[in-house]
C-alpha cells in the first residue's frame, strides 16, 4: 500500500501549468511540523519538513484557484519517485507526493472591508462545506510513474 496523509501549510503558491495534451498540473510544497527529542534534553525540539506535491487535472486547477502560500491543508495522496533529464543534460531523481485529495484544515477565510482576505476564526466542516476537492470518480488516474509520456516533462 502506498498512501500518504499530511497536514501542513503551503510553502509556496501552487504553480499551475498545462501539458501539451491540455492536462493541468500544479506543483507546490507543503511544510509539515515535526518534533524530536534530543538525548541530552527531555524536551521536544520543533523542526519542519518540506515536501514537494504534484496535483493533476481538476485538482490542479482547484489548487491554483483556491490555495496560496501559508494555507493550512490536509492532503491525501501517494509517494512517487521519477527521473527526468534537466536542461543541462543531467539526470535528476525526484521523490514527490502526488495528491489525490486536498481539504482546507485552517480557519475559513472571509473578505475584509478593504478587499483583502483574513482568517475569520470560524470552524469549518470540510466535508459538508464543499471545501474539499478530491479526484473522485470523475478524476482521470494520474498514474504517471515510470511513463515516458510528455506529461512527465514538467519538473517542479
C-alpha atoms as a PDB file:
ATOM      1  CA  UNK A   1       0.000   0.000   0.000  1.00  0.00           C
ATOM      2  CA  UNK A   2       1.279   3.482  -0.866  1.00  0.00           C
ATOM      3  CA  UNK A   3      -0.679   6.151   0.993  1.00  0.00           C
ATOM      4  CA  UNK A   4       0.487   9.450   2.459  1.00  0.00           C
ATOM      5  CA  UNK A   5      -1.605  11.693   4.726  1.00  0.00           C
ATOM      6  CA  UNK A   6      -0.155  15.049   5.799  1.00  0.00           C
ATOM      7  CA  UNK A   7      -1.350  18.212   7.486  1.00  0.00           C
ATOM      8  CA  UNK A   8       0.667  21.346   6.951  1.00  0.00           C
ATOM      9  CA  UNK A   9       0.924  24.768   5.390  1.00  0.00           C
ATOM     10  CA  UNK A  10       1.748  25.538   1.772  1.00  0.00           C
ATOM     11  CA  UNK A  11       5.380  26.592   1.482  1.00  0.00           C
ATOM     12  CA  UNK A  12       4.742  28.412  -1.801  1.00  0.00           C
ATOM     13  CA  UNK A  13       1.873  29.299  -4.093  1.00  0.00           C
ATOM     14  CA  UNK A  14       0.844  26.490  -6.441  1.00  0.00           C
ATOM     15  CA  UNK A  15       2.287  26.825  -9.930  1.00  0.00           C
ATOM     16  CA  UNK A  16      -0.237  25.568 -12.486  1.00  0.00           C
ATOM     17  CA  UNK A  17       0.934  24.558 -15.947  1.00  0.00           C
ATOM     18  CA  UNK A  18      -0.643  22.658 -18.792  1.00  0.00           C
ATOM     19  CA  UNK A  19       0.854  19.724 -20.670  1.00  0.00           C
ATOM     20  CA  UNK A  20       0.880  19.533 -24.461  1.00  0.00           C
ATOM     21  CA  UNK A  21      -2.255  17.385 -24.230  1.00  0.00           C
ATOM     22  CA  UNK A  22      -4.071  20.031 -22.158  1.00  0.00           C
ATOM     23  CA  UNK A  23      -3.867  18.386 -18.717  1.00  0.00           C
ATOM     24  CA  UNK A  24      -3.463  20.771 -15.797  1.00  0.00           C
ATOM     25  CA  UNK A  25      -0.619  20.031 -13.381  1.00  0.00           C
ATOM     26  CA  UNK A  26       0.104  22.007 -10.206  1.00  0.00           C
ATOM     27  CA  UNK A  27       3.283  21.932  -8.179  1.00  0.00           C
ATOM     28  CA  UNK A  28       3.790  23.303  -4.685  1.00  0.00           C
ATOM     29  CA  UNK A  29       5.412  22.436  -1.394  1.00  0.00           C
ATOM     30  CA  UNK A  30       3.879  21.669   1.981  1.00  0.00           C
ATOM     31  CA  UNK A  31       5.597  22.445   5.285  1.00  0.00           C
ATOM     32  CA  UNK A  32       4.871  19.850   7.973  1.00  0.00           C
ATOM     33  CA  UNK A  33       5.815  20.363  11.625  1.00  0.00           C
ATOM     34  CA  UNK A  34       7.690  17.549  13.308  1.00  0.00           C
ATOM     35  CA  UNK A  35       9.207  17.280  16.765  1.00  0.00           C
ATOM     36  CA  UNK A  36      12.114  15.212  18.029  1.00  0.00           C
ATOM     37  CA  UNK A  37      13.655  14.634  21.427  1.00  0.00           C
ATOM     38  CA  UNK A  38      17.335  15.276  21.963  1.00  0.00           C
ATOM     39  CA  UNK A  39      19.368  12.795  24.012  1.00  0.00           C
ATOM     40  CA  UNK A  40      20.557  15.485  26.424  1.00  0.00           C
ATOM     41  CA  UNK A  41      17.186  17.099  26.988  1.00  0.00           C
ATOM     42  CA  UNK A  42      13.802  15.629  27.655  1.00  0.00           C
ATOM     43  CA  UNK A  43      12.087  18.399  25.710  1.00  0.00           C
ATOM     44  CA  UNK A  44      10.698  18.078  22.249  1.00  0.00           C
ATOM     45  CA  UNK A  45      12.568  20.201  19.691  1.00  0.00           C
ATOM     46  CA  UNK A  46      10.495  21.565  16.779  1.00  0.00           C
ATOM     47  CA  UNK A  47      11.560  21.174  13.164  1.00  0.00           C
ATOM     48  CA  UNK A  48       9.825  21.491   9.805  1.00  0.00           C
ATOM     49  CA  UNK A  49       9.914  19.130   6.828  1.00  0.00           C
ATOM     50  CA  UNK A  50       9.128  20.410   3.321  1.00  0.00           C
ATOM     51  CA  UNK A  51       7.621  18.022   0.768  1.00  0.00           C
ATOM     52  CA  UNK A  52       7.028  18.632  -2.936  1.00  0.00           C
ATOM     53  CA  UNK A  53       3.465  17.973  -4.071  1.00  0.00           C
ATOM     54  CA  UNK A  54       2.021  17.463  -7.546  1.00  0.00           C
ATOM     55  CA  UNK A  55      -1.688  17.584  -8.365  1.00  0.00           C
ATOM     56  CA  UNK A  56      -3.264  16.760 -11.721  1.00  0.00           C
ATOM     57  CA  UNK A  57      -6.354  17.720 -13.746  1.00  0.00           C
ATOM     58  CA  UNK A  58      -9.269  19.280 -11.844  1.00  0.00           C
ATOM     59  CA  UNK A  59      -7.459  19.013  -8.518  1.00  0.00           C
ATOM     60  CA  UNK A  60      -4.578  21.025 -10.015  1.00  0.00           C
ATOM     61  CA  UNK A  61      -6.976  23.737 -11.154  1.00  0.00           C
ATOM     62  CA  UNK A  62      -8.572  23.776  -7.689  1.00  0.00           C
ATOM     63  CA  UNK A  63      -5.130  24.258  -6.108  1.00  0.00           C
ATOM     64  CA  UNK A  64      -4.276  27.136  -8.420  1.00  0.00           C
ATOM     65  CA  UNK A  65      -7.568  28.875  -7.768  1.00  0.00           C
ATOM     66  CA  UNK A  66      -8.011  28.439  -4.007  1.00  0.00           C
ATOM     67  CA  UNK A  67      -4.645  27.706  -2.365  1.00  0.00           C
ATOM     68  CA  UNK A  68      -1.918  30.219  -1.543  1.00  0.00           C
ATOM     69  CA  UNK A  69       1.325  30.188   0.422  1.00  0.00           C
ATOM     70  CA  UNK A  70       0.570  29.630   4.115  1.00  0.00           C
ATOM     71  CA  UNK A  71      -2.825  27.938   3.590  1.00  0.00           C
ATOM     72  CA  UNK A  72      -3.252  25.047   6.036  1.00  0.00           C
ATOM     73  CA  UNK A  73      -4.390  21.863   4.293  1.00  0.00           C
ATOM     74  CA  UNK A  74      -4.975  18.176   4.853  1.00  0.00           C
ATOM     75  CA  UNK A  75      -3.514  16.222   1.957  1.00  0.00           C
ATOM     76  CA  UNK A  76      -4.018  12.590   0.982  1.00  0.00           C
ATOM     77  CA  UNK A  77      -2.005  11.052  -1.814  1.00  0.00           C
ATOM     78  CA  UNK A  78       0.766   8.660  -2.710  1.00  0.00           C
ATOM     79  CA  UNK A  79       4.556   8.786  -2.705  1.00  0.00           C
ATOM     80  CA  UNK A  80       6.115   8.616  -6.163  1.00  0.00           C
ATOM     81  CA  UNK A  81       9.660   8.619  -7.479  1.00  0.00           C
ATOM     82  CA  UNK A  82      10.557   9.551 -11.025  1.00  0.00           C
ATOM     83  CA  UNK A  83      13.524  10.750 -13.009  1.00  0.00           C
ATOM     84  CA  UNK A  84      13.904  13.328 -15.746  1.00  0.00           C
ATOM     85  CA  UNK A  85      16.637  14.980 -17.745  1.00  0.00           C
ATOM     86  CA  UNK A  86      17.400  18.550 -16.648  1.00  0.00           C
ATOM     87  CA  UNK A  87      18.078  21.361 -19.108  1.00  0.00           C
ATOM     88  CA  UNK A  88      21.828  20.941 -18.556  1.00  0.00           C
ATOM     89  CA  UNK A  89      21.576  17.290 -19.640  1.00  0.00           C
ATOM     90  CA  UNK A  90      21.994  15.710 -16.204  1.00  0.00           C
ATOM     91  CA  UNK A  91      19.615  13.031 -14.980  1.00  0.00           C
ATOM     92  CA  UNK A  92      17.615  14.041 -11.892  1.00  0.00           C
ATOM     93  CA  UNK A  93      15.665  11.837  -9.497  1.00  0.00           C
ATOM     94  CA  UNK A  94      12.671  13.261  -7.675  1.00  0.00           C
ATOM     95  CA  UNK A  95      10.538  11.921  -4.828  1.00  0.00           C
ATOM     96  CA  UNK A  96       7.214  13.728  -4.551  1.00  0.00           C
ATOM     97  CA  UNK A  97       3.705  13.347  -3.247  1.00  0.00           C
ATOM     98  CA  UNK A  98       1.001  13.003  -5.878  1.00  0.00           C
ATOM     99  CA  UNK A  99      -2.166  14.410  -4.322  1.00  0.00           C
ATOM    100  CA  UNK A 100      -5.478  12.568  -4.609  1.00  0.00           C
ATOM    101  CA  UNK A 101      -7.496  14.713  -2.184  1.00  0.00           C
ATOM    102  CA  UNK A 102      -6.946  18.095  -0.530  1.00  0.00           C
ATOM    103  CA  UNK A 103      -9.043  19.696   2.205  1.00  0.00           C
ATOM    104  CA  UNK A 104      -8.759  23.054   3.930  1.00  0.00           C
ATOM    105  CA  UNK A 105      -7.592  22.487   7.515  1.00  0.00           C
ATOM    106  CA  UNK A 106      -7.339  26.054   8.826  1.00  0.00           C
ATOM    107  CA  UNK A 107      -9.863  28.696   9.725  1.00  0.00           C
ATOM    108  CA  UNK A 108     -12.235  29.771   6.979  1.00  0.00           C
ATOM    109  CA  UNK A 109     -11.210  32.959   5.183  1.00  0.00           C
ATOM    110  CA  UNK A 110     -13.515  35.883   4.554  1.00  0.00           C
ATOM    111  CA  UNK A 111     -13.144  39.080   2.615  1.00  0.00           C
ATOM    112  CA  UNK A 112     -12.354  42.207   4.674  1.00  0.00           C
ATOM    113  CA  UNK A 113     -13.875  45.617   4.001  1.00  0.00           C
ATOM    114  CA  UNK A 114     -10.660  46.732   2.291  1.00  0.00           C
ATOM    115  CA  UNK A 115     -10.881  43.856  -0.218  1.00  0.00           C
ATOM    116  CA  UNK A 116      -8.216  41.642   1.364  1.00  0.00           C
ATOM    117  CA  UNK A 117      -8.720  38.267   2.949  1.00  0.00           C
ATOM    118  CA  UNK A 118      -8.168  37.338   6.578  1.00  0.00           C
ATOM    119  CA  UNK A 119      -8.845  34.374   8.826  1.00  0.00           C
ATOM    120  CA  UNK A 120     -12.278  34.687  10.345  1.00  0.00           C
ATOM    121  CA  UNK A 121     -11.733  32.179  13.132  1.00  0.00           C
ATOM    122  CA  UNK A 122     -14.791  30.189  12.119  1.00  0.00           C
ATOM    123  CA  UNK A 123     -14.558  26.439  12.359  1.00  0.00           C
ATOM    124  CA  UNK A 124     -15.210  24.676   9.129  1.00  0.00           C
ATOM    125  CA  UNK A 125     -16.754  21.321   8.327  1.00  0.00           C
ATOM    126  CA  UNK A 126     -14.706  20.308   5.320  1.00  0.00           C
ATOM    127  CA  UNK A 127     -16.970  17.544   4.061  1.00  0.00           C
ATOM    128  CA  UNK A 128     -20.251  19.441   4.063  1.00  0.00           C
ATOM    129  CA  UNK A 129     -18.995  22.902   3.116  1.00  0.00           C
ATOM    130  CA  UNK A 130     -17.523  21.786  -0.177  1.00  0.00           C
ATOM    131  CA  UNK A 131     -14.044  22.908   0.857  1.00  0.00           C
ATOM    132  CA  UNK A 132     -12.553  19.562  -0.081  1.00  0.00           C
ATOM    133  CA  UNK A 133     -11.642  18.538  -3.575  1.00  0.00           C
ATOM    134  CA  UNK A 134     -10.517  15.107  -4.478  1.00  0.00           C
ATOM    135  CA  UNK A 135     -10.309  13.220  -7.685  1.00  0.00           C
ATOM    136  CA  UNK A 136     -13.333  11.037  -7.107  1.00  0.00           C
ATOM    137  CA  UNK A 137     -14.778   9.007  -9.955  1.00  0.00           C
ATOM    138  CA  UNK A 138     -14.565  11.888 -12.433  1.00  0.00           C
ATOM    139  CA  UNK A 139     -10.790  12.212 -11.951  1.00  0.00           C
ATOM    140  CA  UNK A 140      -8.537  10.617 -14.533  1.00  0.00           C
ATOM    141  CA  UNK A 141      -5.997   8.314 -12.904  1.00  0.00           C
ATOM    142  CA  UNK A 142      -2.702  10.155 -12.797  1.00  0.00           C
ATOM    143  CA  UNK A 143      -0.538   7.044 -12.529  1.00  0.00           C
ATOM    144  CA  UNK A 144       2.357   8.570 -14.424  1.00  0.00           C
ATOM    145  CA  UNK A 145       5.159   6.805 -12.527  1.00  0.00           C
ATOM    146  CA  UNK A 146       7.669   5.474 -14.970  1.00  0.00           C
ATOM    147  CA  UNK A 147       5.795   6.640 -18.104  1.00  0.00           C
ATOM    148  CA  UNK A 148       7.714   8.252 -20.963  1.00  0.00           C
ATOM    149  CA  UNK A 149       4.641  10.406 -21.595  1.00  0.00           C
ATOM    150  CA  UNK A 150       5.068  14.096 -22.394  1.00  0.00           C
ATOM    151  CA  UNK A 151       3.120  14.803 -19.183  1.00  0.00           C
ATOM    152  CA  UNK A 152       6.244  13.936 -17.186  1.00  0.00           C
ATOM    153  CA  UNK A 153       8.435  16.567 -18.877  1.00  0.00           C
ATOM    154  CA  UNK A 154       7.404  19.233 -16.356  1.00  0.00           C
ATOM    155  CA  UNK A 155       9.843  19.219 -13.397  1.00  0.00           C
ATOM    156  CA  UNK A 156       8.957  21.210 -10.285  1.00  0.00           C
END
